[in-house]
Amino acid sequence: MQIIPAIDIIEGKCVRLTQGDYAQKKVYHEDPLEVAKKFEGFGLQRLHLVDLDGAKAGEVVNWKVLEKIANKTNLIIDFGGGIKSEATLKTVLDTGATYATIGSLAVKSPAVFEQWLSKFGASSFLLGADVYEEKIAIGGWLEKTNIDIIGFIQSYMEKGVHQLFCTDIKKDGKMEGPSILLYQKIIQQFPALHFIASGGVSQLADLHSLKTIGCRGVILGKAIYENKISLQQLSEFNSI
């Protein structure tokens, strides 16, 4: 199971939100590149980079952060937040992201996303499914839907998507433990899916639990920034 640290960006700074609430913002570092280099220094190979300004604005805002990290580290970056047009998507991939993270657009404009899957290949994307009580939420979690998570995954796996991360909004940023039962349900339903857990991780035991149920990766942020899990511990876990 791959450890994937997260860097969330607002106004070029490294922040974390609680339950997706922009009013509950905490700045952890002024320079995301320094944070990314630190992750890389501990042997972590991948980065989940989110442009929260972009997610809110509906267009990518923090290009420079992606560009700097891509140019000055060897991290495999998935980048999301505000990718709404093909031109933006192409620029994200050209700027150094290995994967474009798509969430809201896959819900609101499935025909557009299907075109992108066809043109750029499913291997260029990381599909994000944010859920609240097993229903999809979009727009930086500001908008709830009635779309069931299982049906959502099924529909996109049929279109070639093979990598997905799921965040339980109820858990995110609260460090109360991940949604083991939900993730187990998804993995059992879709054993071929490269499933990445996100949200709620607060201790090393959570990582062992997620690995045990078959997660291929885990995204974590606040547990690192609040020093609940050290980078040394993550480095050692990653090498198991």
Protein backbone atom coordinates (compact mmCIF):
# COMPACT_ATOMS: atom_id res chain seq x y z
CA MET A 1 0.00 0.00 0.00
CA GLN A 2 1.47 3.31 -1.11
CA ILE A 3 1.65 6.26 1.27
CA ILE A 4 0.49 9.43 -0.51
CA PRO A 5 0.96 12.66 1.47
CA ALA A 6 -1.36 15.53 0.60
CA ILE A 7 -0.64 19.19 0.09
CA ASP A 8 -3.70 21.43 -0.12
CA ILE A 9 -3.10 24.91 -1.49
CA ILE A 10 -4.82 28.21 -0.74
CA GLU A 11 -3.12 31.43 -1.89
CA GLY A 12 0.07 29.48 -2.59
CA LYS A 13 0.32 28.19 0.98
CA CYS A 14 0.06 24.71 2.45
CA VAL A 15 -3.20 24.45 4.39
CA ARG A 16 -5.72 21.92 5.71
CA LEU A 17 -9.47 22.26 5.97
CA THR A 18 -11.78 20.38 8.32
CA GLN A 19 -14.64 18.57 6.54
CA GLY A 20 -14.01 20.69 3.45
CA ASP A 21 -15.00 23.89 5.24
CA TYR A 22 -13.02 26.85 3.89
CA ALA A 23 -13.84 28.74 7.10
CA GLN A 24 -11.99 26.04 9.05
CA LYS A 25 -8.63 26.66 7.41
CA LYS A 26 -5.25 26.23 9.07
CA VAL A 27 -2.03 27.30 7.39
CA TYR A 28 0.78 24.82 8.03
CA HIS A 29 3.55 26.11 5.81
CA GLU A 30 4.21 29.11 3.60
CA ASP A 31 6.18 27.11 1.02
CA PRO A 32 4.63 23.91 -0.37
CA LEU A 33 7.86 23.09 -2.24
CA GLU A 34 9.76 22.76 1.04
CA VAL A 35 7.06 20.42 2.34
CA ALA A 36 7.19 18.32 -0.85
CA LYS A 37 10.99 18.08 -0.67
CA LYS A 38 10.72 16.91 2.93
CA PHE A 39 8.30 14.16 1.90
CA GLU A 40 10.67 13.09 -0.86
CA GLY A 41 13.59 13.14 1.57
CA PHE A 42 11.87 10.47 3.63
CA GLY A 43 11.50 8.21 0.62
CA LEU A 44 7.86 8.96 -0.20
CA GLN A 45 7.35 8.83 -3.94
CA ARG A 46 3.93 10.25 -4.61
CA LEU A 47 2.06 13.47 -3.82
CA HIS A 48 -1.62 14.39 -3.78
CA LEU A 49 -1.68 18.09 -4.67
CA VAL A 50 -4.97 19.98 -4.43
CA ASP A 51 -5.63 23.53 -5.60
CA LEU A 52 -8.41 24.51 -3.18
CA ASP A 53 -8.61 27.99 -4.71
CA GLY A 54 -9.10 26.28 -8.07
CA ALA A 55 -11.77 23.94 -6.72
CA LYS A 56 -13.73 26.91 -5.45
CA ALA A 57 -13.18 29.11 -8.52
CA GLY A 58 -13.82 26.39 -11.10
CA GLU A 59 -10.46 26.98 -12.77
CA VAL A 60 -6.88 26.21 -11.77
CA VAL A 61 -5.31 29.05 -9.78
CA ASN A 62 -2.10 27.73 -8.23
CA TRP A 63 -0.20 26.73 -11.37
CA LYS A 64 3.13 27.88 -9.98
CA VAL A 65 3.00 25.46 -7.05
CA LEU A 66 2.54 22.49 -9.39
CA GLU A 67 5.27 23.74 -11.69
CA LYS A 68 7.79 24.24 -8.87
CA ILE A 69 7.19 20.86 -7.24
CA ALA A 70 7.23 19.03 -10.59
CA ASN A 71 10.47 20.73 -11.64
CA LYS A 72 12.32 20.46 -8.32
CA THR A 73 11.32 17.00 -7.09
CA ASN A 74 10.88 13.55 -8.64
CA LEU A 75 7.55 13.00 -6.93
CA ILE A 76 4.72 11.39 -8.88
CA ILE A 77 2.05 14.08 -8.63
CA ASP A 78 -1.68 13.83 -8.94
CA PHE A 79 -3.13 17.32 -9.21
CA GLY A 80 -6.71 18.46 -8.87
CA GLY A 81 -8.88 21.47 -8.27
CA GLY A 82 -10.51 23.45 -11.06
CA ILE A 83 -9.80 21.22 -14.08
CA LYS A 84 -12.88 22.04 -16.14
CA SER A 85 -11.63 22.37 -19.73
CA GLU A 86 -9.50 20.29 -22.05
CA ALA A 87 -7.01 23.14 -22.37
CA THR A 88 -6.59 23.24 -18.58
CA LEU A 89 -6.27 19.47 -18.42
CA LYS A 90 -3.55 19.49 -21.08
CA THR A 91 -1.67 22.25 -19.25
CA VAL A 92 -1.87 20.35 -15.94
CA LEU A 93 -0.37 17.25 -17.56
CA ASP A 94 2.21 19.31 -19.48
CA THR A 95 3.18 21.21 -16.32
CA GLY A 96 4.25 18.01 -14.62
CA ALA A 97 1.30 16.18 -13.12
CA THR A 98 1.33 12.43 -13.82
CA TYR A 99 -2.38 12.23 -13.06
CA ALA A 100 -5.16 14.79 -13.33
CA THR A 101 -7.57 14.41 -10.44
CA ILE A 102 -11.17 14.66 -11.60
CA GLY A 103 -14.10 14.83 -9.21
CA SER A 104 -17.00 17.21 -9.75
CA LEU A 105 -16.69 17.21 -13.53
CA ALA A 106 -17.16 13.42 -13.67
CA VAL A 107 -20.50 13.96 -11.94
CA LYS A 108 -21.74 17.13 -13.64
CA SER A 109 -20.34 16.60 -17.14
CA PRO A 110 -19.85 12.86 -17.66
CA ALA A 111 -19.83 13.22 -21.46
CA VAL A 112 -16.87 15.59 -21.25
CA PHE A 113 -14.96 13.29 -18.92
CA GLU A 114 -15.65 10.32 -21.18
CA GLN A 115 -14.17 12.26 -24.11
CA TRP A 116 -11.06 12.97 -22.04
CA LEU A 117 -10.75 9.32 -21.06
CA SER A 118 -10.88 8.40 -24.73
CA LYS A 119 -8.44 11.08 -25.85
CA PHE A 120 -5.87 11.06 -23.02
CA GLY A 121 -6.31 7.50 -21.73
CA ALA A 122 -7.65 6.37 -18.37
CA SER A 123 -4.08 6.06 -17.04
CA SER A 124 -3.82 9.89 -17.07
CA PHE A 125 -6.54 10.26 -14.44
CA LEU A 126 -7.21 9.76 -10.78
CA LEU A 127 -10.95 9.78 -10.16
CA GLY A 128 -11.98 11.35 -6.89
CA ALA A 129 -15.17 10.32 -5.13
CA ASP A 130 -16.07 12.43 -2.14
CA VAL A 131 -18.92 10.90 -0.18
CA TYR A 132 -21.35 11.81 2.55
CA GLU A 133 -23.35 8.86 3.86
CA GLU A 134 -22.33 6.89 0.74
CA LYS A 135 -23.62 9.59 -1.64
CA ILE A 136 -21.35 11.66 -3.89
CA ALA A 137 -20.62 15.27 -2.91
CA ILE A 138 -19.11 17.77 -5.35
CA GLY A 139 -17.83 21.34 -5.68
CA GLY A 140 -15.29 21.14 -2.90
CA TRP A 141 -17.89 19.25 -0.85
CA LEU A 142 -20.23 22.22 -0.92
CA GLU A 143 -22.94 20.36 -2.88
CA LYS A 144 -24.49 17.00 -1.97
CA THR A 145 -26.04 14.65 -4.57
CA ASN A 146 -28.18 11.51 -4.53
CA ILE A 147 -25.63 9.50 -6.55
CA ASP A 148 -24.65 6.28 -4.81
CA ILE A 149 -20.89 5.65 -4.55
CA ILE A 150 -21.11 2.02 -5.69
CA GLY A 151 -23.06 2.89 -8.84
CA PHE A 152 -20.71 5.78 -9.56
CA ILE A 153 -17.64 3.57 -9.41
CA GLN A 154 -19.31 0.85 -11.49
CA SER A 155 -20.19 3.27 -14.27
CA TYR A 156 -16.64 4.63 -14.59
CA MET A 157 -14.87 1.29 -14.29
CA GLU A 158 -16.91 0.24 -17.31
CA LYS A 159 -15.39 3.23 -19.11
CA GLY A 160 -11.82 2.24 -18.28
CA VAL A 161 -11.14 4.06 -15.02
CA HIS A 162 -8.99 1.86 -12.78
CA GLN A 163 -7.67 4.25 -10.13
CA LEU A 164 -9.90 6.02 -7.63
CA PHE A 165 -9.65 7.64 -4.24
CA CYS A 166 -12.57 8.04 -1.89
CA THR A 167 -12.91 10.57 0.89
CA ASP A 168 -15.58 10.29 3.55
CA ILE A 169 -16.41 13.91 4.34
CA LYS A 170 -17.63 12.97 7.79
CA LYS A 171 -14.14 11.74 8.63
CA ASP A 172 -11.86 14.14 6.79
CA GLY A 173 -9.68 16.36 8.92
CA LYS A 174 -11.22 15.09 12.15
CA MET A 175 -8.61 12.37 12.77
CA GLU A 176 -11.19 9.99 14.17
CA GLY A 177 -10.09 7.05 12.03
CA PRO A 178 -10.86 6.17 8.40
CA SER A 179 -14.12 4.70 7.04
CA ILE A 180 -12.97 1.09 7.13
CA LEU A 181 -16.40 -0.45 6.56
CA LEU A 182 -17.18 1.77 3.55
CA TYR A 183 -13.78 1.14 1.98
CA GLN A 184 -14.03 -2.59 2.62
CA LYS A 185 -17.43 -2.63 0.91
CA ILE A 186 -16.00 -0.86 -2.16
CA ILE A 187 -12.92 -3.12 -2.38
CA GLN A 188 -15.01 -6.28 -2.07
CA GLN A 189 -17.34 -5.03 -4.80
CA PHE A 190 -14.48 -3.98 -7.12
CA PRO A 191 -11.39 -6.14 -6.41
CA ALA A 192 -9.65 -4.97 -9.61
CA LEU A 193 -9.93 -1.29 -8.65
CA HIS A 194 -6.76 0.51 -7.58
CA PHE A 195 -8.47 1.90 -4.52
CA ILE A 196 -6.93 4.73 -2.49
CA ALA A 197 -8.37 5.63 0.91
CA SER A 198 -8.54 9.23 2.06
CA GLY A 199 -9.61 10.97 5.24
CA GLY A 200 -9.60 10.26 8.95
CA VAL A 201 -6.17 8.65 9.35
CA SER A 202 -4.83 9.62 12.78
CA GLN A 203 -2.39 6.89 13.82
CA LEU A 204 -0.16 4.17 12.46
CA ALA A 205 -2.75 1.52 13.34
CA ASP A 206 -5.12 3.10 10.80
CA LEU A 207 -2.59 2.45 8.04
CA HIS A 208 -2.26 -1.20 9.03
CA SER A 209 -6.09 -1.53 9.02
CA LEU A 210 -6.35 -0.01 5.54
CA LYS A 211 -3.60 -2.25 4.22
CA THR A 212 -5.30 -5.31 5.71
CA ILE A 213 -8.60 -4.65 3.89
CA GLY A 214 -6.79 -4.30 0.55
CA CYS A 215 -6.32 -0.58 -0.06
CA ARG A 216 -3.65 0.06 -2.70
CA GLY A 217 -2.85 3.51 -1.36
CA VAL A 218 -3.75 6.00 1.34
CA ILE A 219 -3.81 9.78 1.18
CA LEU A 220 -3.10 11.54 4.43
CA GLY A 221 -2.42 15.11 5.43
CA LYS A 222 -3.50 16.40 8.81
CA ALA A 223 -2.02 13.42 10.68
CA ILE A 224 1.37 14.46 9.28
CA TYR A 225 0.96 18.18 9.88
CA GLU A 226 -0.32 17.68 13.43
CA ASN A 227 2.56 15.27 14.15
CA LYS A 228 0.27 12.32 14.88
CA ILE A 229 2.35 10.17 12.52
CA SER A 230 5.98 11.03 11.84
CA LEU A 231 7.56 11.01 8.39
CA GLN A 232 10.05 8.46 9.75
CA GLN A 233 7.15 6.15 10.65
CA LEU A 234 5.64 6.63 7.19
CA SER A 235 9.00 5.92 5.58
CA GLU A 236 9.33 2.69 7.53
CA PHE A 237 5.74 1.66 6.78
CA ASN A 238 6.23 2.40 3.09
CA SER A 239 9.19 0.02 2.95
CA ILE A 240 7.37 -2.94 4.52
